[in-house]
Amino acid sequence: MPCKSPKAAALLLLATAGPATAQSAQIVSIYTSTAPKDCRVLRADREVGWGTRACKGPAGLAVVISEDDLRETVSAARTVKVAETEPAARTWFGPFSSTSHTIEWRTADKTKRPFAMIQRWHLADNDDTGKDNRPIAKPMLVVTRLPPGKVCHVAYIDVQANADANELARKAADEIARDFVCGTDSLRVIGNSGRAVELARPD
């Protein structure tokens, strides 16, 4: 049986290793809870109606959720102290707002630190009230970049205006978040705009 040339052997090695390498680099999602029962209270004043809690994220990340005047901010970093200094910790919306209790993290390897997180927000629409005269919340997905580098919002996806909102958010996280420069690059609206995005960006 003739021996394969070194070039042929190299090509065979690449062909064999290619799929495994691609599979190992596939971006996946991890999910964690930010429900109050799964977090610890850092500060709170129920009479005034504000509070801050810390939740565990994957790969040692700390998530800090603060509420003041019925508006939330969400940040993450390696420590609670650092998370509270990130741009995301100072980014809130004009309307009353709250977040869902699940964070989707995007990572190239479940054993490594994620590079972006996706969370569903609910923004109160004062121009659209229910039978109880309370504002009806409009849903929006927020993509936030993670360290290394600053932590900030990079993309908004209007849930009601896009049937594939989850897929759009993942695509934005995978393609935009890692190279996004907080304070320099402009936040992106992905897909069709809608009422939630209008409430988030009234200008």
C-alpha atoms as a PDB file:
ATOM      1  CA  MET A   1       0.000   0.000   0.000  1.00  0.00           C
ATOM      2  CA  PRO A   2       1.589   3.330  -1.019  1.00  0.00           C
ATOM      3  CA  CYS A   3       2.465   5.832   1.709  1.00  0.00           C
ATOM      4  CA  LYS A   4       0.663   9.168   1.775  1.00  0.00           C
ATOM      5  CA  SER A   5       2.779  12.217   1.021  1.00  0.00           C
ATOM      6  CA  PRO A   6       3.382  14.728   3.880  1.00  0.00           C
ATOM      7  CA  LYS A   7       1.079  17.195   2.097  1.00  0.00           C
ATOM      8  CA  ALA A   8      -1.698  14.643   1.812  1.00  0.00           C
ATOM      9  CA  ALA A   9      -1.253  13.668   5.450  1.00  0.00           C
ATOM     10  CA  ALA A  10      -1.501  17.307   6.505  1.00  0.00           C
ATOM     11  CA  LEU A  11      -4.667  17.791   4.498  1.00  0.00           C
ATOM     12  CA  LEU A  12      -6.148  14.667   6.049  1.00  0.00           C
ATOM     13  CA  LEU A  13      -5.293  15.962   9.528  1.00  0.00           C
ATOM     14  CA  LEU A  14      -6.984  19.303   8.839  1.00  0.00           C
ATOM     15  CA  ALA A  15     -10.053  17.612   7.426  1.00  0.00           C
ATOM     16  CA  THR A  16     -10.303  15.429  10.533  1.00  0.00           C
ATOM     17  CA  ALA A  17      -9.682  18.229  13.032  1.00  0.00           C
ATOM     18  CA  GLY A  18     -11.869  20.823  11.294  1.00  0.00           C
ATOM     19  CA  PRO A  19     -15.331  19.756  12.504  1.00  0.00           C
ATOM     20  CA  ALA A  20     -14.147  19.153  16.070  1.00  0.00           C
ATOM     21  CA  THR A  21     -12.511  22.576  16.213  1.00  0.00           C
ATOM     22  CA  ALA A  22     -15.620  24.260  14.842  1.00  0.00           C
ATOM     23  CA  GLN A  23     -17.801  22.399  17.304  1.00  0.00           C
ATOM     24  CA  SER A  24     -15.634  23.376  20.284  1.00  0.00           C
ATOM     25  CA  ALA A  25     -15.833  27.047  19.230  1.00  0.00           C
ATOM     26  CA  GLN A  26     -19.625  27.020  18.901  1.00  0.00           C
ATOM     27  CA  ILE A  27     -21.271  29.779  20.910  1.00  0.00           C
ATOM     28  CA  VAL A  28     -23.787  28.544  23.456  1.00  0.00           C
ATOM     29  CA  SER A  29     -26.204  29.988  26.010  1.00  0.00           C
ATOM     30  CA  ILE A  30     -26.194  29.615  29.780  1.00  0.00           C
ATOM     31  CA  TYR A  31     -29.119  30.709  31.948  1.00  0.00           C
ATOM     32  CA  THR A  32     -29.144  31.979  35.540  1.00  0.00           C
ATOM     33  CA  SER A  33     -31.784  33.392  37.846  1.00  0.00           C
ATOM     34  CA  THR A  34     -32.024  36.897  39.270  1.00  0.00           C
ATOM     35  CA  ALA A  35     -35.166  36.204  41.287  1.00  0.00           C
ATOM     36  CA  PRO A  36     -34.959  37.764  44.764  1.00  0.00           C
ATOM     37  CA  LYS A  37     -35.021  34.299  46.379  1.00  0.00           C
ATOM     38  CA  ASP A  38     -31.833  33.402  44.474  1.00  0.00           C
ATOM     39  CA  CYS A  39     -29.958  36.594  45.370  1.00  0.00           C
ATOM     40  CA  ARG A  40     -28.793  38.430  48.464  1.00  0.00           C
ATOM     41  CA  VAL A  41     -29.910  41.887  49.512  1.00  0.00           C
ATOM     42  CA  LEU A  42     -27.173  44.507  49.620  1.00  0.00           C
ATOM     43  CA  ARG A  43     -29.261  47.530  50.527  1.00  0.00           C
ATOM     44  CA  ALA A  44     -32.989  48.135  50.814  1.00  0.00           C
ATOM     45  CA  ASP A  45     -35.590  50.590  52.041  1.00  0.00           C
ATOM     46  CA  ARG A  46     -39.082  49.225  51.525  1.00  0.00           C
ATOM     47  CA  GLU A  47     -40.781  52.401  52.708  1.00  0.00           C
ATOM     48  CA  VAL A  48     -39.068  54.523  50.083  1.00  0.00           C
ATOM     49  CA  GLY A  49     -39.181  51.729  47.520  1.00  0.00           C
ATOM     50  CA  TRP A  50     -35.585  51.161  46.501  1.00  0.00           C
ATOM     51  CA  GLY A  51     -33.078  48.364  46.894  1.00  0.00           C
ATOM     52  CA  THR A  52     -30.034  46.595  45.507  1.00  0.00           C
ATOM     53  CA  ARG A  53     -29.411  42.867  45.330  1.00  0.00           C
ATOM     54  CA  ALA A  54     -26.502  40.748  44.140  1.00  0.00           C
ATOM     55  CA  CYS A  55     -26.967  37.527  42.192  1.00  0.00           C
ATOM     56  CA  LYS A  56     -24.563  34.846  41.021  1.00  0.00           C
ATOM     57  CA  GLY A  57     -23.675  34.651  37.346  1.00  0.00           C
ATOM     58  CA  PRO A  58     -21.637  31.990  35.540  1.00  0.00           C
ATOM     59  CA  ALA A  59     -17.845  31.712  35.782  1.00  0.00           C
ATOM     60  CA  GLY A  60     -17.678  33.783  38.960  1.00  0.00           C
ATOM     61  CA  LEU A  61     -19.484  36.852  37.622  1.00  0.00           C
ATOM     62  CA  ALA A  62     -21.545  38.949  40.021  1.00  0.00           C
ATOM     63  CA  VAL A  63     -24.807  40.538  38.873  1.00  0.00           C
ATOM     64  CA  VAL A  64     -26.047  43.685  40.599  1.00  0.00           C
ATOM     65  CA  ILE A  65     -29.671  44.748  40.197  1.00  0.00           C
ATOM     66  CA  SER A  66     -30.740  48.093  41.637  1.00  0.00           C
ATOM     67  CA  GLU A  67     -34.223  49.551  41.811  1.00  0.00           C
ATOM     68  CA  ASP A  68     -35.101  53.156  42.550  1.00  0.00           C
ATOM     69  CA  ASP A  69     -38.362  54.959  41.822  1.00  0.00           C
ATOM     70  CA  LEU A  70     -39.710  51.835  40.051  1.00  0.00           C
ATOM     71  CA  ARG A  71     -36.804  51.798  37.599  1.00  0.00           C
ATOM     72  CA  GLU A  72     -34.130  49.111  37.464  1.00  0.00           C
ATOM     73  CA  THR A  73     -30.509  48.943  36.396  1.00  0.00           C
ATOM     74  CA  VAL A  74     -28.555  45.733  35.801  1.00  0.00           C
ATOM     75  CA  SER A  75     -24.789  45.391  35.757  1.00  0.00           C
ATOM     76  CA  ALA A  76     -22.260  42.575  36.015  1.00  0.00           C
ATOM     77  CA  ALA A  77     -18.549  42.191  36.689  1.00  0.00           C
ATOM     78  CA  ARG A  78     -16.075  39.987  38.518  1.00  0.00           C
ATOM     79  CA  THR A  79     -17.057  41.588  41.839  1.00  0.00           C
ATOM     80  CA  VAL A  80     -20.096  43.442  43.171  1.00  0.00           C
ATOM     81  CA  LYS A  81     -17.984  46.528  43.842  1.00  0.00           C
ATOM     82  CA  VAL A  82     -16.790  46.731  40.250  1.00  0.00           C
ATOM     83  CA  ALA A  83     -20.246  45.970  38.841  1.00  0.00           C
ATOM     84  CA  GLU A  84     -21.664  48.978  40.658  1.00  0.00           C
ATOM     85  CA  THR A  85     -19.184  51.287  38.910  1.00  0.00           C
ATOM     86  CA  GLU A  86     -19.865  50.099  35.346  1.00  0.00           C
ATOM     87  CA  PRO A  87     -21.836  52.207  32.817  1.00  0.00           C
ATOM     88  CA  ALA A  88     -24.651  49.629  32.873  1.00  0.00           C
ATOM     89  CA  ALA A  89     -25.194  50.372  36.566  1.00  0.00           C
ATOM     90  CA  ARG A  90     -26.025  53.966  35.628  1.00  0.00           C
ATOM     91  CA  THR A  91     -28.223  53.188  32.627  1.00  0.00           C
ATOM     92  CA  TRP A  92     -31.942  53.368  33.252  1.00  0.00           C
ATOM     93  CA  PHE A  93     -35.021  54.209  31.207  1.00  0.00           C
ATOM     94  CA  GLY A  94     -37.401  57.140  31.574  1.00  0.00           C
ATOM     95  CA  PRO A  95     -40.562  55.043  32.007  1.00  0.00           C
ATOM     96  CA  PHE A  96     -41.026  52.717  34.951  1.00  0.00           C
ATOM     97  CA  SER A  97     -39.101  49.561  34.118  1.00  0.00           C
ATOM     98  CA  SER A  98     -38.302  46.112  35.429  1.00  0.00           C
ATOM     99  CA  THR A  99     -36.485  43.024  34.213  1.00  0.00           C
ATOM    100  CA  SER A 100     -37.376  39.371  33.923  1.00  0.00           C
ATOM    101  CA  HIS A 101     -35.752  37.021  36.421  1.00  0.00           C
ATOM    102  CA  THR A 102     -33.689  35.130  33.850  1.00  0.00           C
ATOM    103  CA  ILE A 103     -30.431  36.172  32.206  1.00  0.00           C
ATOM    104  CA  GLU A 104     -29.182  34.463  29.068  1.00  0.00           C
ATOM    105  CA  TRP A 105     -25.400  34.478  28.849  1.00  0.00           C
ATOM    106  CA  ARG A 106     -23.526  33.985  25.585  1.00  0.00           C
ATOM    107  CA  THR A 107     -20.215  32.163  25.765  1.00  0.00           C
ATOM    108  CA  ALA A 108     -17.896  30.280  23.445  1.00  0.00           C
ATOM    109  CA  ASP A 109     -17.300  27.641  26.117  1.00  0.00           C
ATOM    110  CA  LYS A 110     -19.401  26.773  29.166  1.00  0.00           C
ATOM    111  CA  THR A 111     -16.229  26.673  31.268  1.00  0.00           C
ATOM    112  CA  LYS A 112     -15.208  30.213  30.300  1.00  0.00           C
ATOM    113  CA  ARG A 113     -16.530  33.634  31.241  1.00  0.00           C
ATOM    114  CA  PRO A 114     -19.393  34.869  28.991  1.00  0.00           C
ATOM    115  CA  PHE A 115     -18.872  37.852  26.708  1.00  0.00           C
ATOM    116  CA  ALA A 116     -22.468  39.139  26.657  1.00  0.00           C
ATOM    117  CA  MET A 117     -25.773  38.830  28.451  1.00  0.00           C
ATOM    118  CA  ILE A 118     -29.338  39.147  27.204  1.00  0.00           C
ATOM    119  CA  GLN A 119     -32.240  40.111  29.414  1.00  0.00           C
ATOM    120  CA  ARG A 120     -35.897  40.931  28.838  1.00  0.00           C
ATOM    121  CA  TRP A 121     -37.020  44.315  30.093  1.00  0.00           C
ATOM    122  CA  HIS A 122     -40.554  45.627  30.574  1.00  0.00           C
ATOM    123  CA  LEU A 123     -41.141  49.345  30.017  1.00  0.00           C
ATOM    124  CA  ALA A 124     -44.372  50.950  31.221  1.00  0.00           C
ATOM    125  CA  ASP A 125     -46.317  52.715  28.462  1.00  0.00           C
ATOM    126  CA  ASN A 126     -48.305  55.563  29.987  1.00  0.00           C
ATOM    127  CA  ASP A 127     -50.083  56.114  26.665  1.00  0.00           C
ATOM    128  CA  ASP A 128     -51.469  52.571  26.666  1.00  0.00           C
ATOM    129  CA  THR A 129     -53.374  51.660  29.798  1.00  0.00           C
ATOM    130  CA  GLY A 130     -55.410  48.601  30.727  1.00  0.00           C
ATOM    131  CA  LYS A 131     -58.865  48.319  32.249  1.00  0.00           C
ATOM    132  CA  ASP A 132     -57.328  49.079  35.638  1.00  0.00           C
ATOM    133  CA  ASN A 133     -55.871  52.322  34.199  1.00  0.00           C
ATOM    134  CA  ARG A 134     -52.361  51.052  34.806  1.00  0.00           C
ATOM    135  CA  PRO A 135     -49.725  51.368  32.053  1.00  0.00           C
ATOM    136  CA  ILE A 136     -49.253  48.270  29.907  1.00  0.00           C
ATOM    137  CA  ALA A 137     -45.627  47.155  29.858  1.00  0.00           C
ATOM    138  CA  LYS A 138     -43.866  46.776  26.511  1.00  0.00           C
ATOM    139  CA  PRO A 139     -41.148  44.080  26.272  1.00  0.00           C
ATOM    140  CA  MET A 140     -37.647  44.677  24.940  1.00  0.00           C
ATOM    141  CA  LEU A 141     -34.485  42.563  24.898  1.00  0.00           C
ATOM    142  CA  VAL A 142     -31.294  44.282  26.016  1.00  0.00           C
ATOM    143  CA  VAL A 143     -27.877  42.985  24.972  1.00  0.00           C
ATOM    144  CA  THR A 144     -25.092  43.979  27.370  1.00  0.00           C
ATOM    145  CA  ARG A 145     -21.372  43.504  26.755  1.00  0.00           C
ATOM    146  CA  LEU A 146     -19.189  42.064  29.519  1.00  0.00           C
ATOM    147  CA  PRO A 147     -15.514  42.296  30.533  1.00  0.00           C
ATOM    148  CA  PRO A 148     -12.796  42.544  29.442  1.00  0.00           C
ATOM    149  CA  GLY A 149     -13.653  46.176  28.911  1.00  0.00           C
ATOM    150  CA  LYS A 150     -16.552  48.158  30.254  1.00  0.00           C
ATOM    151  CA  VAL A 151     -20.057  46.788  30.804  1.00  0.00           C
ATOM    152  CA  CYS A 152     -22.800  48.611  28.900  1.00  0.00           C
ATOM    153  CA  HIS A 153     -25.858  48.180  26.719  1.00  0.00           C
ATOM    154  CA  VAL A 154     -24.966  47.525  23.084  1.00  0.00           C
ATOM    155  CA  ALA A 155     -28.277  46.644  21.413  1.00  0.00           C
ATOM    156  CA  TYR A 156     -32.049  46.831  21.873  1.00  0.00           C
ATOM    157  CA  ILE A 157     -34.536  44.480  20.229  1.00  0.00           C
ATOM    158  CA  ASP A 158     -38.258  45.228  20.340  1.00  0.00           C
ATOM    159  CA  VAL A 159     -40.018  41.954  21.182  1.00  0.00           C
ATOM    160  CA  GLN A 160     -43.463  42.804  19.815  1.00  0.00           C
ATOM    161  CA  ALA A 161     -42.071  44.215  16.572  1.00  0.00           C
ATOM    162  CA  ASN A 162     -39.891  41.174  15.807  1.00  0.00           C
ATOM    163  CA  ALA A 163     -41.158  37.596  15.737  1.00  0.00           C
ATOM    164  CA  ASP A 164     -37.539  36.376  15.892  1.00  0.00           C
ATOM    165  CA  ALA A 165     -36.469  38.708  18.702  1.00  0.00           C
ATOM    166  CA  ASN A 166     -34.522  36.048  20.623  1.00  0.00           C
ATOM    167  CA  GLU A 167     -32.525  35.056  17.557  1.00  0.00           C
ATOM    168  CA  LEU A 168     -31.812  38.701  16.738  1.00  0.00           C
ATOM    169  CA  ALA A 169     -30.576  39.301  20.290  1.00  0.00           C
ATOM    170  CA  ARG A 170     -28.242  36.311  20.165  1.00  0.00           C
ATOM    171  CA  LYS A 171     -26.879  37.392  16.797  1.00  0.00           C
ATOM    172  CA  ALA A 172     -26.258  40.917  18.124  1.00  0.00           C
ATOM    173  CA  ALA A 173     -24.530  39.535  21.207  1.00  0.00           C
ATOM    174  CA  ASP A 174     -22.312  37.236  19.159  1.00  0.00           C
ATOM    175  CA  GLU A 175     -21.387  39.739  16.455  1.00  0.00           C
ATOM    176  CA  ILE A 176     -21.378  43.135  18.183  1.00  0.00           C
ATOM    177  CA  ALA A 177     -20.766  42.853  21.916  1.00  0.00           C
ATOM    178  CA  ARG A 178     -17.119  41.792  22.068  1.00  0.00           C
ATOM    179  CA  ASP A 179     -15.815  44.628  19.876  1.00  0.00           C
ATOM    180  CA  PHE A 180     -18.221  47.287  21.174  1.00  0.00           C
ATOM    181  CA  VAL A 181     -16.496  50.230  22.893  1.00  0.00           C
ATOM    182  CA  CYS A 182     -18.654  51.716  25.638  1.00  0.00           C
ATOM    183  CA  GLY A 183     -18.890  55.492  25.472  1.00  0.00           C
ATOM    184  CA  THR A 184     -17.604  55.570  21.878  1.00  0.00           C
ATOM    185  CA  ASP A 185     -19.723  53.236  19.761  1.00  0.00           C
ATOM    186  CA  SER A 186     -23.404  53.952  19.215  1.00  0.00           C
ATOM    187  CA  LEU A 187     -25.992  51.626  20.667  1.00  0.00           C
ATOM    188  CA  ARG A 188     -27.749  49.607  17.960  1.00  0.00           C
ATOM    189  CA  VAL A 189     -31.456  48.986  17.429  1.00  0.00           C
ATOM    190  CA  ILE A 190     -31.690  45.547  15.850  1.00  0.00           C
ATOM    191  CA  GLY A 191     -34.586  44.503  13.628  1.00  0.00           C
ATOM    192  CA  ASN A 192     -37.815  46.469  13.457  1.00  0.00           C
ATOM    193  CA  SER A 193     -38.294  49.298  15.903  1.00  0.00           C
ATOM    194  CA  GLY A 194     -41.439  49.350  18.004  1.00  0.00           C
ATOM    195  CA  ARG A 195     -43.107  50.939  20.988  1.00  0.00           C
ATOM    196  CA  ALA A 196     -40.659  49.496  23.544  1.00  0.00           C
ATOM    197  CA  VAL A 197     -37.681  50.931  21.675  1.00  0.00           C
ATOM    198  CA  GLU A 198     -39.498  54.265  21.343  1.00  0.00           C
ATOM    199  CA  LEU A 199     -39.968  54.325  25.114  1.00  0.00           C
ATOM    200  CA  ALA A 200     -36.315  53.410  25.679  1.00  0.00           C
ATOM    201  CA  ARG A 201     -35.046  56.010  23.221  1.00  0.00           C
ATOM    202  CA  PRO A 202     -37.536  58.888  23.141  1.00  0.00           C
ATOM    203  CA  ASP A 203     -35.126  61.134  21.237  1.00  0.00           C
END
